PDB file of N, CA and C in Angstrom:
ATOM      1  N   UNK A   1     116.777  34.505 -34.205  1.00  0.00           N
ATOM      2  CA  UNK A   1     117.895  34.194 -34.795  1.00  0.00           C
ATOM      3  C   UNK A   1     118.961  34.654 -33.776  1.00  0.00           C
ATOM      4  N   UNK A   2     119.011  34.013 -32.769  1.00  0.00           N
ATOM      5  CA  UNK A   2     120.070  34.677 -31.625  1.00  0.00           C
ATOM      6  C   UNK A   2     121.446  34.021 -31.890  1.00  0.00           C
ATOM      7  N   UNK A   3     122.790  34.071 -31.235  1.00  0.00           N
ATOM      8  CA  UNK A   3     124.000  34.277 -31.626  1.00  0.00           C
ATOM      9  C   UNK A   3     124.181  32.653 -31.540  1.00  0.00           C
ATOM     10  N   UNK A   4     123.477  32.253 -30.453  1.00  0.00           N
ATOM     11  CA  UNK A   4     123.642  30.387 -30.276  1.00  0.00           C
ATOM     12  C   UNK A   4     123.315  29.570 -31.193  1.00  0.00           C
ATOM     13  N   UNK A   5     121.981  30.243 -31.748  1.00  0.00           N
ATOM     14  CA  UNK A   5     121.321  29.536 -33.026  1.00  0.00           C
ATOM     15  C   UNK A   5     122.291  29.524 -34.188  1.00  0.00           C
ATOM     16  N   UNK A   6     122.533  30.585 -34.486  1.00  0.00           N
ATOM     17  CA  UNK A   6     123.525  31.183 -35.458  1.00  0.00           C
ATOM     18  C   UNK A   6     124.866  29.731 -35.803  1.00  0.00           C
ATOM     19  N   UNK A   7     125.445  30.200 -34.548  1.00  0.00           N
ATOM     20  CA  UNK A   7     126.547  29.347 -34.130  1.00  0.00           C
ATOM     21  C   UNK A   7     126.383  28.040 -34.243  1.00  0.00           C
ATOM     22  N   UNK A   8     125.000  27.203 -33.600  1.00  0.00           N
ATOM     23  CA  UNK A   8     124.585  25.934 -34.064  1.00  0.00           C
ATOM     24  C   UNK A   8     124.807  25.585 -35.372  1.00  0.00           C
ATOM     25  N   UNK A   9     124.033  26.433 -35.934  1.00  0.00           N
ATOM     26  CA  UNK A   9     123.689  26.261 -37.677  1.00  0.00           C
ATOM     27  C   UNK A   9     125.006  26.035 -38.354  1.00  0.00           C
ATOM     28  N   UNK A  10     126.082  26.995 -37.988  1.00  0.00           N
ATOM     29  CA  UNK A  10     127.469  27.084 -38.537  1.00  0.00           C
ATOM     30  C   UNK A  10     127.869  25.878 -37.954  1.00  0.00           C
ATOM     31  N   UNK A  11     127.727  25.500 -36.810  1.00  0.00           N
ATOM     32  CA  UNK A  11     128.850  24.172 -36.938  1.00  0.00           C
ATOM     33  C   UNK A  11     128.115  22.845 -37.351  1.00  0.00           C
ATOM     34  N   UNK A  12     127.048  22.772 -37.496  1.00  0.00           N
ATOM     35  CA  UNK A  12     126.089  21.778 -38.418  1.00  0.00           C
ATOM     36  C   UNK A  12     126.420  22.121 -40.198  1.00  0.00           C
ATOM     37  N   UNK A  13     126.770  23.080 -40.267  1.00  0.00           N
ATOM     38  CA  UNK A  13     127.339  23.618 -41.746  1.00  0.00           C
ATOM     39  C   UNK A  13     128.500  22.616 -41.512  1.00  0.00           C
ATOM     40  N   UNK A  14     129.818  23.097 -40.710  1.00  0.00           N
ATOM     41  CA  UNK A  14     130.750  22.626 -40.684  1.00  0.00           C
ATOM     42  C   UNK A  14     131.088  20.968 -40.956  1.00  0.00           C
ATOM     43  N   UNK A  15     129.732  20.425 -40.119  1.00  0.00           N
ATOM     44  CA  UNK A  15     129.895  19.132 -40.112  1.00  0.00           C
ATOM     45  C   UNK A  15     129.298  18.486 -41.335  1.00  0.00           C
ATOM     46  N   UNK A  16     128.491  19.173 -42.081  1.00  0.00           N
ATOM     47  CA  UNK A  16     127.813  18.688 -43.255  1.00  0.00           C
ATOM     48  C   UNK A  16     129.163  18.946 -44.506  1.00  0.00           C
ATOM     49  N   UNK A  17     130.039  19.846 -44.463  1.00  0.00           N
ATOM     50  CA  UNK A  17     130.974  19.933 -45.199  1.00  0.00           C
ATOM     51  C   UNK A  17     132.281  18.886 -45.451  1.00  0.00           C
ATOM     52  N   UNK A  18     132.210  18.584 -43.811  1.00  0.00           N
ATOM     53  CA  UNK A  18     133.324  17.159 -43.631  1.00  0.00           C
ATOM     54  C   UNK A  18     132.869  16.243 -44.238  1.00  0.00           C
ATOM     55  N   UNK A  19     131.395  15.963 -44.280  1.00  0.00           N
ATOM     56  CA  UNK A  19     131.225  14.762 -44.682  1.00  0.00           C
ATOM     57  C   UNK A  19     130.987  14.805 -46.359  1.00  0.00           C
ATOM     58  N   UNK A  20     131.279  15.680 -47.102  1.00  0.00           N
ATOM     59  CA  UNK A  20     131.248  15.625 -48.360  1.00  0.00           C
ATOM     60  C   UNK A  20     132.670  15.019 -49.149  1.00  0.00           C
ATOM     61  N   UNK A  21     132.861  14.600 -50.445  1.00  0.00           N
ATOM     62  CA  UNK A  21     133.670  13.664 -50.808  1.00  0.00           C
ATOM     63  C   UNK A  21     134.611  15.045 -51.174  1.00  0.00           C
ATOM     64  N   UNK A  22     136.199  14.928 -51.131  1.00  0.00           N
ATOM     65  CA  UNK A  22     136.474  15.630 -51.547  1.00  0.00           C
ATOM     66  C   UNK A  22     136.577  16.842 -52.843  1.00  0.00           C
ATOM     67  N   UNK A  23     136.338  15.867 -53.923  1.00  0.00           N
ATOM     68  CA  UNK A  23     135.820  16.647 -55.254  1.00  0.00           C
ATOM     69  C   UNK A  23     134.334  17.347 -54.666  1.00  0.00           C
ATOM     70  N   UNK A  24     133.626  17.338 -54.040  1.00  0.00           N
ATOM     71  CA  UNK A  24     132.311  17.941 -53.554  1.00  0.00           C
ATOM     72  C   UNK A  24     133.130  19.026 -52.695  1.00  0.00           C
ATOM     73  N   UNK A  25     133.565  18.889 -51.895  1.00  0.00           N
ATOM     74  CA  UNK A  25     133.959  19.896 -51.119  1.00  0.00           C
ATOM     75  C   UNK A  25     134.781  20.883 -51.512  1.00  0.00           C
ATOM     76  N   UNK A  26     135.331  20.449 -52.469  1.00  0.00           N
ATOM     77  CA  UNK A  26     136.280  21.843 -53.236  1.00  0.00           C
ATOM     78  C   UNK A  26     135.010  22.445 -54.160  1.00  0.00           C
ATOM     79  N   UNK A  27     133.980  21.907 -54.668  1.00  0.00           N
ATOM     80  CA  UNK A  27     132.899  22.519 -55.298  1.00  0.00           C
ATOM     81  C   UNK A  27     132.445  23.332 -54.705  1.00  0.00           C
ATOM     82  N   UNK A  28     132.019  22.974 -53.307  1.00  0.00           N
ATOM     83  CA  UNK A  28     131.692  23.482 -52.247  1.00  0.00           C
ATOM     84  C   UNK A  28     132.230  25.279 -52.068  1.00  0.00           C
ATOM     85  N   UNK A  29     133.414  24.812 -51.972  1.00  0.00           N
ATOM     86  CA  UNK A  29     133.783  25.951 -51.622  1.00  0.00           C
ATOM     87  C   UNK A  29     134.393  26.712 -52.869  1.00  0.00           C
ATOM     88  N   UNK A  30     134.286  26.540 -53.874  1.00  0.00           N
ATOM     89  CA  UNK A  30     134.142  27.120 -55.140  1.00  0.00           C
ATOM     90  C   UNK A  30     132.726  28.183 -55.302  1.00  0.00           C
ATOM     91  N   UNK A  31     131.802  27.282 -54.556  1.00  0.00           N
ATOM     92  CA  UNK A  31     130.540  27.965 -54.805  1.00  0.00           C
ATOM     93  C   UNK A  31     130.573  28.783 -53.795  1.00  0.00           C
ATOM     94  N   UNK A  32     130.741  28.651 -52.668  1.00  0.00           N
ATOM     95  CA  UNK A  32     130.967  29.506 -51.495  1.00  0.00           C
ATOM     96  C   UNK A  32     131.511  30.658 -51.708  1.00  0.00           C
ATOM     97  N   UNK A  33     132.684  30.710 -52.470  1.00  0.00           N
ATOM     98  CA  UNK A  33     133.417  31.801 -52.549  1.00  0.00           C
ATOM     99  C   UNK A  33     132.491  32.592 -53.493  1.00  0.00           C
ATOM    100  N   UNK A  34     131.375  32.179 -54.355  1.00  0.00           N
ATOM    101  CA  UNK A  34     130.939  33.009 -55.389  1.00  0.00           C
ATOM    102  C   UNK A  34     129.628  33.714 -54.709  1.00  0.00           C
ATOM    103  N   UNK A  35     129.088  33.055 -53.389  1.00  0.00           N
ATOM    104  CA  UNK A  35     127.527  32.855 -53.356  1.00  0.00           C
ATOM    105  C   UNK A  35     127.382  33.668 -51.941  1.00  0.00           C
ATOM    106  N   UNK A  36     128.126  33.953 -51.373  1.00  0.00           N
ATOM    107  CA  UNK A  36     128.498  34.795 -49.954  1.00  0.00           C
ATOM    108  C   UNK A  36     128.672  36.052 -49.789  1.00  0.00           C
ATOM    109  N   UNK A  37     127.929  36.295 -49.084  1.00  0.00           N
ATOM    110  CA  UNK A  37     127.146  37.799 -49.507  1.00  0.00           C
ATOM    111  C   UNK A  37     128.447  38.725 -48.225  1.00  0.00           C
ATOM    112  N   UNK A  38     128.767  39.797 -48.151  1.00  0.00           N
ATOM    113  CA  UNK A  38     129.280  40.482 -47.370  1.00  0.00           C
ATOM    114  C   UNK A  38     128.687  41.629 -46.384  1.00  0.00           C
ATOM    115  N   UNK A  39     128.740  41.244 -45.152  1.00  0.00           N
ATOM    116  CA  UNK A  39     127.755  41.777 -44.076  1.00  0.00           C
ATOM    117  C   UNK A  39     127.669  43.467 -44.149  1.00  0.00           C
ATOM    118  N   UNK A  40     129.070  43.792 -44.187  1.00  0.00           N
ATOM    119  CA  UNK A  40     129.672  45.440 -44.640  1.00  0.00           C
ATOM    120  C   UNK A  40     128.920  46.201 -45.401  1.00  0.00           C
ATOM    121  N   UNK A  41     128.926  45.534 -46.824  1.00  0.00           N
ATOM    122  CA  UNK A  41     127.951  45.886 -48.308  1.00  0.00           C
ATOM    123  C   UNK A  41     126.825  46.078 -47.790  1.00  0.00           C
ATOM    124  N   UNK A  42     126.312  44.964 -47.389  1.00  0.00           N
ATOM    125  CA  UNK A  42     124.651  44.850 -46.593  1.00  0.00           C
ATOM    126  C   UNK A  42     124.272  46.165 -45.774  1.00  0.00           C
ATOM    127  N   UNK A  43     125.278  46.424 -44.977  1.00  0.00           N
ATOM    128  CA  UNK A  43     125.122  47.247 -43.910  1.00  0.00           C
ATOM    129  C   UNK A  43     125.210  49.215 -44.922  1.00  0.00           C
ATOM    130  N   UNK A  44     126.030  49.300 -45.739  1.00  0.00           N
ATOM    131  CA  UNK A  44     126.796  50.236 -46.434  1.00  0.00           C
ATOM    132  C   UNK A  44     125.362  50.663 -47.534  1.00  0.00           C
ATOM    133  N   UNK A  45     124.714  49.569 -47.940  1.00  0.00           N
ATOM    134  CA  UNK A  45     123.532  49.780 -49.120  1.00  0.00           C
ATOM    135  C   UNK A  45     122.459  50.267 -48.073  1.00  0.00           C
ATOM    136  N   UNK A  46     122.271  49.598 -47.019  1.00  0.00           N
ATOM    137  CA  UNK A  46     121.173  50.087 -46.213  1.00  0.00           C
ATOM    138  C   UNK A  46     121.044  51.279 -45.572  1.00  0.00           C
ATOM    139  N   UNK A  47     122.431  51.990 -44.909  1.00  0.00           N
ATOM    140  CA  UNK A  47     122.654  53.018 -44.454  1.00  0.00           C
ATOM    141  C   UNK A  47     122.619  54.032 -45.541  1.00  0.00           C
ATOM    142  N   UNK A  48     122.923  54.193 -46.636  1.00  0.00           N
ATOM    143  CA  UNK A  48     123.133  55.422 -47.589  1.00  0.00           C
ATOM    144  C   UNK A  48     121.738  55.219 -48.632  1.00  0.00           C
ATOM    145  N   UNK A  49     121.346  53.900 -48.697  1.00  0.00           N
ATOM    146  CA  UNK A  49     119.976  53.894 -49.672  1.00  0.00           C
ATOM    147  C   UNK A  49     118.994  53.162 -48.994  1.00  0.00           C
ATOM    148  N   UNK A  50     117.954  54.093 -48.224  1.00  0.00           N
ATOM    149  CA  UNK A  50     117.371  53.151 -47.807  1.00  0.00           C
ATOM    150  C   UNK A  50     116.097  52.958 -48.428  1.00  0.00           C
ATOM    151  N   UNK A  51     116.323  52.922 -49.876  1.00  0.00           N
ATOM    152  CA  UNK A  51     115.807  52.697 -50.724  1.00  0.00           C
ATOM    153  C   UNK A  51     115.114  51.516 -50.779  1.00  0.00           C
ATOM    154  N   UNK A  52     116.085  50.275 -50.343  1.00  0.00           N
ATOM    155  CA  UNK A  52     115.872  48.883 -50.438  1.00  0.00           C
ATOM    156  C   UNK A  52     117.034  48.398 -51.094  1.00  0.00           C
ATOM    157  N   UNK A  53     118.212  49.054 -51.528  1.00  0.00           N
ATOM    158  CA  UNK A  53     118.838  47.933 -52.858  1.00  0.00           C
ATOM    159  C   UNK A  53     120.018  47.094 -51.578  1.00  0.00           C
ATOM    160  N   UNK A  54     119.812  47.453 -50.291  1.00  0.00           N
ATOM    161  CA  UNK A  54     120.059  46.047 -49.122  1.00  0.00           C
ATOM    162  C   UNK A  54     119.339  44.821 -49.432  1.00  0.00           C
ATOM    163  N   UNK A  55     118.199  44.853 -49.933  1.00  0.00           N
ATOM    164  CA  UNK A  55     117.241  43.408 -50.175  1.00  0.00           C
ATOM    165  C   UNK A  55     117.847  42.978 -51.610  1.00  0.00           C
ATOM    166  N   UNK A  56     117.984  43.702 -52.701  1.00  0.00           N
ATOM    167  CA  UNK A  56     118.473  43.271 -53.656  1.00  0.00           C
ATOM    168  C   UNK A  56     119.920  42.552 -53.819  1.00  0.00           C
ATOM    169  N   UNK A  57     120.618  42.817 -52.623  1.00  0.00           N
ATOM    170  CA  UNK A  57     121.804  42.291 -52.693  1.00  0.00           C
ATOM    171  C   UNK A  57     121.599  41.257 -52.191  1.00  0.00           C
ATOM    172  N   UNK A  58     120.864  40.722 -51.277  1.00  0.00           N
ATOM    173  CA  UNK A  58     120.296  39.284 -50.771  1.00  0.00           C
ATOM    174  C   UNK A  58     119.977  38.734 -51.827  1.00  0.00           C
ATOM    175  N   UNK A  59     119.165  39.224 -52.728  1.00  0.00           N
ATOM    176  CA  UNK A  59     118.350  38.317 -53.523  1.00  0.00           C
ATOM    177  C   UNK A  59     116.825  38.839 -53.419  1.00  0.00           C
ATOM    178  N   UNK A  60     116.315  39.335 -52.645  1.00  0.00           N
ATOM    179  CA  UNK A  60     114.852  39.654 -52.026  1.00  0.00           C
ATOM    180  C   UNK A  60     114.216  40.624 -52.766  1.00  0.00           C
ATOM    181  N   UNK A  61     114.250  40.330 -53.859  1.00  0.00           N
ATOM    182  CA  UNK A  61     113.942  41.216 -55.113  1.00  0.00           C
ATOM    183  C   UNK A  61     112.349  41.844 -54.806  1.00  0.00           C
ATOM    184  N   UNK A  62     111.378  41.227 -54.513  1.00  0.00           N
ATOM    185  CA  UNK A  62     110.054  41.596 -54.020  1.00  0.00           C
ATOM    186  C   UNK A  62     110.309  42.856 -52.828  1.00  0.00           C
ATOM    187  N   UNK A  63     111.164  42.358 -51.938  1.00  0.00           N
ATOM    188  CA  UNK A  63     111.325  43.360 -51.099  1.00  0.00           C
ATOM    189  C   UNK A  63     111.846  44.593 -51.015  1.00  0.00           C
ATOM    190  N   UNK A  64     112.864  44.565 -52.143  1.00  0.00           N
ATOM    191  CA  UNK A  64     114.016  45.681 -52.674  1.00  0.00           C
ATOM    192  C   UNK A  64     112.753  46.423 -53.438  1.00  0.00           C
ATOM    193  N   UNK A  65     111.831  45.730 -54.472  1.00  0.00           N
ATOM    194  CA  UNK A  65     110.835  46.517 -55.448  1.00  0.00           C
ATOM    195  C   UNK A  65     110.065  46.972 -54.178  1.00  0.00           C
ATOM    196  N   UNK A  66     109.105  46.776 -53.512  1.00  0.00           N
ATOM    197  CA  UNK A  66     108.782  46.943 -52.545  1.00  0.00           C
ATOM    198  C   UNK A  66     109.133  48.671 -51.598  1.00  0.00           C
ATOM    199  N   UNK A  67     110.616  48.214 -51.593  1.00  0.00           N
ATOM    200  CA  UNK A  67     110.756  49.532 -50.592  1.00  0.00           C
ATOM    201  C   UNK A  67     111.205  50.681 -51.750  1.00  0.00           C
ATOM    202  N   UNK A  68     111.713  50.224 -53.100  1.00  0.00           N
ATOM    203  CA  UNK A  68     111.959  51.494 -53.969  1.00  0.00           C
ATOM    204  C   UNK A  68     110.524  52.075 -54.424  1.00  0.00           C
ATOM    205  N   UNK A  69     109.699  51.211 -54.348  1.00  0.00           N
ATOM    206  CA  UNK A  69     108.535  52.067 -54.684  1.00  0.00           C
ATOM    207  C   UNK A  69     107.727  52.808 -53.806  1.00  0.00           C
ATOM    208  N   UNK A  70     107.845  52.164 -52.247  1.00  0.00           N
ATOM    209  CA  UNK A  70     107.252  53.513 -51.371  1.00  0.00           C
ATOM    210  C   UNK A  70     108.100  54.653 -51.236  1.00  0.00           C
ATOM    211  N   UNK A  71     109.603  54.385 -51.248  1.00  0.00           N
ATOM    212  CA  UNK A  71     110.682  55.762 -51.084  1.00  0.00           C
ATOM    213  C   UNK A  71     109.987  56.300 -52.520  1.00  0.00           C
ATOM    214  N   UNK A  72     110.114  56.014 -53.836  1.00  0.00           N
ATOM    215  CA  UNK A  72     109.775  56.716 -54.803  1.00  0.00           C
ATOM    216  C   UNK A  72     108.576  57.559 -54.655  1.00  0.00           C
ATOM    217  N   UNK A  73     107.272  56.886 -54.596  1.00  0.00           N
ATOM    218  CA  UNK A  73     105.960  57.231 -54.113  1.00  0.00           C
ATOM    219  C   UNK A  73     106.285  58.908 -52.928  1.00  0.00           C
ATOM    220  N   UNK A  74     107.309  58.260 -52.146  1.00  0.00           N
ATOM    221  CA  UNK A  74     107.538  59.464 -50.602  1.00  0.00           C
ATOM    222  C   UNK A  74     108.049  60.629 -51.100  1.00  0.00           C
ATOM    223  N   UNK A  75     108.818  60.353 -52.345  1.00  0.00           N
ATOM    224  CA  UNK A  75     109.727  61.154 -52.920  1.00  0.00           C
ATOM    225  C   UNK A  75     108.884  62.124 -53.877  1.00  0.00           C
ATOM    226  N   UNK A  76     107.867  61.707 -54.440  1.00  0.00           N
ATOM    227  CA  UNK A  76     107.316  62.632 -55.695  1.00  0.00           C
ATOM    228  C   UNK A  76     106.258  63.278 -54.928  1.00  0.00           C
ATOM    229  N   UNK A  77     105.401  62.475 -53.999  1.00  0.00           N
ATOM    230  CA  UNK A  77     104.286  63.403 -53.079  1.00  0.00           C
ATOM    231  C   UNK A  77     104.991  63.578 -51.771  1.00  0.00           C
ATOM    232  N   UNK A  78     106.314  64.211 -51.616  1.00  0.00           N
ATOM    233  CA  UNK A  78     106.939  64.484 -50.425  1.00  0.00           C
ATOM    234  C   UNK A  78     106.481  66.091 -50.016  1.00  0.00           C
ATOM    235  N   UNK A  79     105.710  67.237 -50.945  1.00  0.00           N
ATOM    236  CA  UNK A  79     105.259  68.380 -50.473  1.00  0.00           C
ATOM    237  C   UNK A  79     104.105  68.187 -49.722  1.00  0.00           C
ATOM    238  N   UNK A  80     102.951  67.022 -49.903  1.00  0.00           N
ATOM    239  CA  UNK A  80     101.884  66.724 -49.616  1.00  0.00           C
ATOM    240  C   UNK A  80     101.834  65.855 -48.697  1.00  0.00           C
ATOM    241  N   UNK A  81     102.744  64.905 -48.208  1.00  0.00           N
ATOM    242  CA  UNK A  81     102.750  64.486 -46.732  1.00  0.00           C
ATOM    243  C   UNK A  81     103.851  62.970 -47.604  1.00  0.00           C
ATOM    244  N   UNK A  82     104.114  62.818 -48.457  1.00  0.00           N
ATOM    245  CA  UNK A  82     105.060  62.168 -48.514  1.00  0.00           C
ATOM    246  C   UNK A  82     106.075  61.668 -47.841  1.00  0.00           C
ATOM    247  N   UNK A  83     106.422  62.675 -47.153  1.00  0.00           N
ATOM    248  CA  UNK A  83     107.964  62.449 -45.996  1.00  0.00           C
ATOM    249  C   UNK A  83     107.437  61.762 -45.231  1.00  0.00           C
ATOM    250  N   UNK A  84     106.237  61.205 -44.429  1.00  0.00           N
ATOM    251  CA  UNK A  84     105.876  60.410 -43.595  1.00  0.00           C
ATOM    252  C   UNK A  84     106.001  58.927 -44.306  1.00  0.00           C
ATOM    253  N   UNK A  85     105.771  58.994 -45.469  1.00  0.00           N
ATOM    254  CA  UNK A  85     106.219  57.517 -45.960  1.00  0.00           C
ATOM    255  C   UNK A  85     107.404  57.279 -46.058  1.00  0.00           C
ATOM    256  N   UNK A  86     108.516  57.864 -46.044  1.00  0.00           N
ATOM    257  CA  UNK A  86     109.971  58.174 -46.503  1.00  0.00           C
ATOM    258  C   UNK A  86     110.357  57.755 -44.598  1.00  0.00           C
ATOM    259  N   UNK A  87     109.666  58.708 -43.901  1.00  0.00           N
ATOM    260  CA  UNK A  87     110.066  58.023 -42.419  1.00  0.00           C
ATOM    261  C   UNK A  87     109.431  56.929 -41.888  1.00  0.00           C
ATOM    262  N   UNK A  88     108.561  56.446 -42.238  1.00  0.00           N
ATOM    263  CA  UNK A  88     108.194  55.214 -42.112  1.00  0.00           C
ATOM    264  C   UNK A  88     109.048  54.025 -42.622  1.00  0.00           C
ATOM    265  N   UNK A  89     109.254  54.114 -43.912  1.00  0.00           N
ATOM    266  CA  UNK A  89     110.040  53.085 -44.405  1.00  0.00           C
ATOM    267  C   UNK A  89     111.455  53.254 -44.022  1.00  0.00           C
ATOM    268  N   UNK A  90     112.116  54.584 -43.207  1.00  0.00           N
ATOM    269  CA  UNK A  90     113.436  54.478 -42.590  1.00  0.00           C
ATOM    270  C   UNK A  90     113.194  53.766 -41.230  1.00  0.00           C
ATOM    271  N   UNK A  91     111.801  53.974 -40.824  1.00  0.00           N
ATOM    272  CA  UNK A  91     111.665  53.451 -39.112  1.00  0.00           C
ATOM    273  C   UNK A  91     111.928  51.481 -39.598  1.00  0.00           C
ATOM    274  N   UNK A  92     111.136  51.378 -40.286  1.00  0.00           N
ATOM    275  CA  UNK A  92     111.090  49.619 -40.784  1.00  0.00           C
ATOM    276  C   UNK A  92     112.582  49.357 -40.618  1.00  0.00           C
ATOM    277  N   UNK A  93     113.854  50.166 -41.959  1.00  0.00           N
ATOM    278  CA  UNK A  93     114.998  49.732 -42.178  1.00  0.00           C
ATOM    279  C   UNK A  93     115.947  49.883 -41.009  1.00  0.00           C
ATOM    280  N   UNK A  94     115.494  50.845 -40.484  1.00  0.00           N
ATOM    281  CA  UNK A  94     116.675  51.015 -39.419  1.00  0.00           C
ATOM    282  C   UNK A  94     117.207  49.652 -38.456  1.00  0.00           C
ATOM    283  N   UNK A  95     116.349  49.127 -38.073  1.00  0.00           N
ATOM    284  CA  UNK A  95     117.003  47.974 -37.274  1.00  0.00           C
ATOM    285  C   UNK A  95     117.877  46.889 -38.202  1.00  0.00           C
ATOM    286  N   UNK A  96     117.446  46.596 -39.454  1.00  0.00           N
ATOM    287  CA  UNK A  96     118.115  45.897 -40.209  1.00  0.00           C
ATOM    288  C   UNK A  96     119.877  46.401 -40.219  1.00  0.00           C
ATOM    289  N   UNK A  97     119.832  47.631 -40.231  1.00  0.00           N
ATOM    290  CA  UNK A  97     121.299  48.203 -40.151  1.00  0.00           C
ATOM    291  C   UNK A  97     121.803  47.951 -39.026  1.00  0.00           C
ATOM    292  N   UNK A  98     121.252  47.729 -37.931  1.00  0.00           N
ATOM    293  CA  UNK A  98     122.174  47.250 -36.469  1.00  0.00           C
ATOM    294  C   UNK A  98     122.022  45.878 -36.365  1.00  0.00           C
ATOM    295  N   UNK A  99     121.542  45.213 -37.354  1.00  0.00           N
ATOM    296  CA  UNK A  99     121.439  43.549 -37.093  1.00  0.00           C
ATOM    297  C   UNK A  99     121.938  43.125 -38.365  1.00  0.00           C
ATOM    298  N   UNK A 100     122.679  43.971 -39.305  1.00  0.00           N
ATOM    299  CA  UNK A 100     123.184  43.455 -40.923  1.00  0.00           C
ATOM    300  C   UNK A 100     123.963  42.390 -40.569  1.00  0.00           C
ATOM    301  N   UNK A 101     124.731  41.985 -39.324  1.00  0.00           N
ATOM    302  CA  UNK A 101     125.942  41.167 -39.158  1.00  0.00           C
ATOM    303  C   UNK A 101     125.279  39.708 -39.172  1.00  0.00           C
ATOM    304  N   UNK A 102     124.035  39.925 -38.230  1.00  0.00           N
ATOM    305  CA  UNK A 102     123.252  38.249 -38.338  1.00  0.00           C
ATOM    306  C   UNK A 102     122.429  38.603 -39.309  1.00  0.00           C
ATOM    307  N   UNK A 103     121.725  39.115 -39.884  1.00  0.00           N
ATOM    308  CA  UNK A 103     121.244  39.263 -41.076  1.00  0.00           C
ATOM    309  C   UNK A 103     122.080  38.318 -42.154  1.00  0.00           C
ATOM    310  N   UNK A 104     123.115  38.926 -42.499  1.00  0.00           N
ATOM    311  CA  UNK A 104     124.167  38.457 -43.845  1.00  0.00           C
ATOM    312  C   UNK A 104     124.247  36.779 -43.026  1.00  0.00           C
ATOM    313  N   UNK A 105     124.834  36.847 -42.017  1.00  0.00           N
ATOM    314  CA  UNK A 105     125.402  35.510 -41.839  1.00  0.00           C
ATOM    315  C   UNK A 105     124.532  34.678 -41.748  1.00  0.00           C
ATOM    316  N   UNK A 106     123.340  34.925 -41.322  1.00  0.00           N
ATOM    317  CA  UNK A 106     121.794  33.904 -41.410  1.00  0.00           C
ATOM    318  C   UNK A 106     121.588  33.539 -42.896  1.00  0.00           C
ATOM    319  N   UNK A 107     121.374  34.299 -43.974  1.00  0.00           N
ATOM    320  CA  UNK A 107     121.569  34.347 -45.438  1.00  0.00           C
ATOM    321  C   UNK A 107     122.862  33.591 -45.952  1.00  0.00           C
ATOM    322  N   UNK A 108     123.652  33.604 -45.802  1.00  0.00           N
ATOM    323  CA  UNK A 108     125.092  33.157 -45.919  1.00  0.00           C
ATOM    324  C   UNK A 108     124.370  31.657 -45.802  1.00  0.00           C
ATOM    325  N   UNK A 109     124.306  31.158 -44.192  1.00  0.00           N
ATOM    326  CA  UNK A 109     123.950  29.792 -43.863  1.00  0.00           C
ATOM    327  C   UNK A 109     122.487  29.147 -44.435  1.00  0.00           C
ATOM    328  N   UNK A 110     121.790  29.883 -44.932  1.00  0.00           N
ATOM    329  CA  UNK A 110     120.619  29.572 -45.535  1.00  0.00           C
ATOM    330  C   UNK A 110     121.290  28.828 -46.968  1.00  0.00           C
ATOM    331  N   UNK A 111     122.213  29.810 -47.560  1.00  0.00           N
ATOM    332  CA  UNK A 111     122.567  29.519 -48.787  1.00  0.00           C
ATOM    333  C   UNK A 111     123.431  28.246 -49.247  1.00  0.00           C
ATOM    334  N   UNK A 112     124.446  28.668 -47.971  1.00  0.00           N
ATOM    335  CA  UNK A 112     125.080  27.426 -48.124  1.00  0.00           C
ATOM    336  C   UNK A 112     124.747  25.825 -47.941  1.00  0.00           C
ATOM    337  N   UNK A 113     123.488  26.223 -47.070  1.00  0.00           N
ATOM    338  CA  UNK A 113     123.006  24.866 -46.325  1.00  0.00           C
ATOM    339  C   UNK A 113     122.413  24.119 -48.056  1.00  0.00           C
ATOM    340  N   UNK A 114     121.751  25.329 -48.932  1.00  0.00           N
ATOM    341  CA  UNK A 114     121.355  24.629 -49.854  1.00  0.00           C
ATOM    342  C   UNK A 114     122.442  24.166 -50.765  1.00  0.00           C
ATOM    343  N   UNK A 115     123.314  24.702 -50.961  1.00  0.00           N
ATOM    344  CA  UNK A 115     124.492  24.344 -51.755  1.00  0.00           C
ATOM    345  C   UNK A 115     124.802  23.018 -51.565  1.00  0.00           C
ATOM    346  N   UNK A 116     124.928  22.709 -50.024  1.00  0.00           N
ATOM    347  CA  UNK A 116     125.492  21.047 -49.699  1.00  0.00           C
ATOM    348  C   UNK A 116     124.218  20.166 -50.182  1.00  0.00           C
ATOM    349  N   UNK A 117     122.866  20.965 -49.483  1.00  0.00           N
ATOM    350  CA  UNK A 117     122.062  19.998 -50.105  1.00  0.00           C
ATOM    351  C   UNK A 117     121.963  19.091 -51.418  1.00  0.00           C
ATOM    352  N   UNK A 118     122.367  20.232 -52.174  1.00  0.00           N
ATOM    353  CA  UNK A 118     122.472  19.830 -54.065  1.00  0.00           C
ATOM    354  C   UNK A 118     123.447  19.043 -53.919  1.00  0.00           C
ATOM    355  N   UNK A 119     124.683  19.061 -53.309  1.00  0.00           N
ATOM    356  CA  UNK A 119     125.743  18.634 -53.527  1.00  0.00           C
ATOM    357  C   UNK A 119     125.852  17.036 -53.113  1.00  0.00           C
ATOM    358  N   UNK A 120     124.997  16.862 -51.800  1.00  0.00           N
ATOM    359  CA  UNK A 120     124.889  15.425 -51.492  1.00  0.00           C
ATOM    360  C   UNK A 120     123.692  14.858 -52.581  1.00  0.00           C
ATOM    361  N   UNK A 121     122.676  15.564 -52.933  1.00  0.00           N
ATOM    362  CA  UNK A 121     121.944  15.019 -54.390  1.00  0.00           C
ATOM    363  C   UNK A 121     122.904  14.361 -55.212  1.00  0.00           C
ATOM    364  N   UNK A 122     123.548  15.440 -55.555  1.00  0.00           N
ATOM    365  CA  UNK A 122     124.529  14.383 -56.977  1.00  0.00           C
ATOM    366  C   UNK A 122     125.425  13.731 -56.430  1.00  0.00           C
ATOM    367  N   UNK A 123     126.003  13.407 -55.340  1.00  0.00           N
ATOM    368  CA  UNK A 123     126.716  12.406 -54.758  1.00  0.00           C
ATOM    369  C   UNK A 123     125.914  10.867 -54.827  1.00  0.00           C
ATOM    370  N   UNK A 124     124.527  11.159 -54.783  1.00  0.00           N
ATOM    371  CA  UNK A 124     123.489  10.015 -54.603  1.00  0.00           C
ATOM    372  C   UNK A 124     123.351   9.291 -55.963  1.00  0.00           C
TER     373      UNK A 124
END
């Protein structure tokens, strides 16, 4: 998930958008407004709540539940070594904080590709 790859995917997305009919393009932009996620919100959820809320924000429910359960177990067993589990979760999630812009950008590209595919199928 490097910068060039994301840029190329965005260019392909723009080309696909321009190939839509005017009505489909209008529908695309309405859906985009509803579905696109904000990288800053993702980063804040990750920063303040390492318990997995940022995964729920992107619709990754299973991963969010896993993080939340691991953090809860860590908190409940904190006195008998649960702090190790909490630190492990934080260490695993910390890189995502620093890559939040790219992670959300990739998520948005994937979601909008799906929208365009649906609109193309509806046109056919």
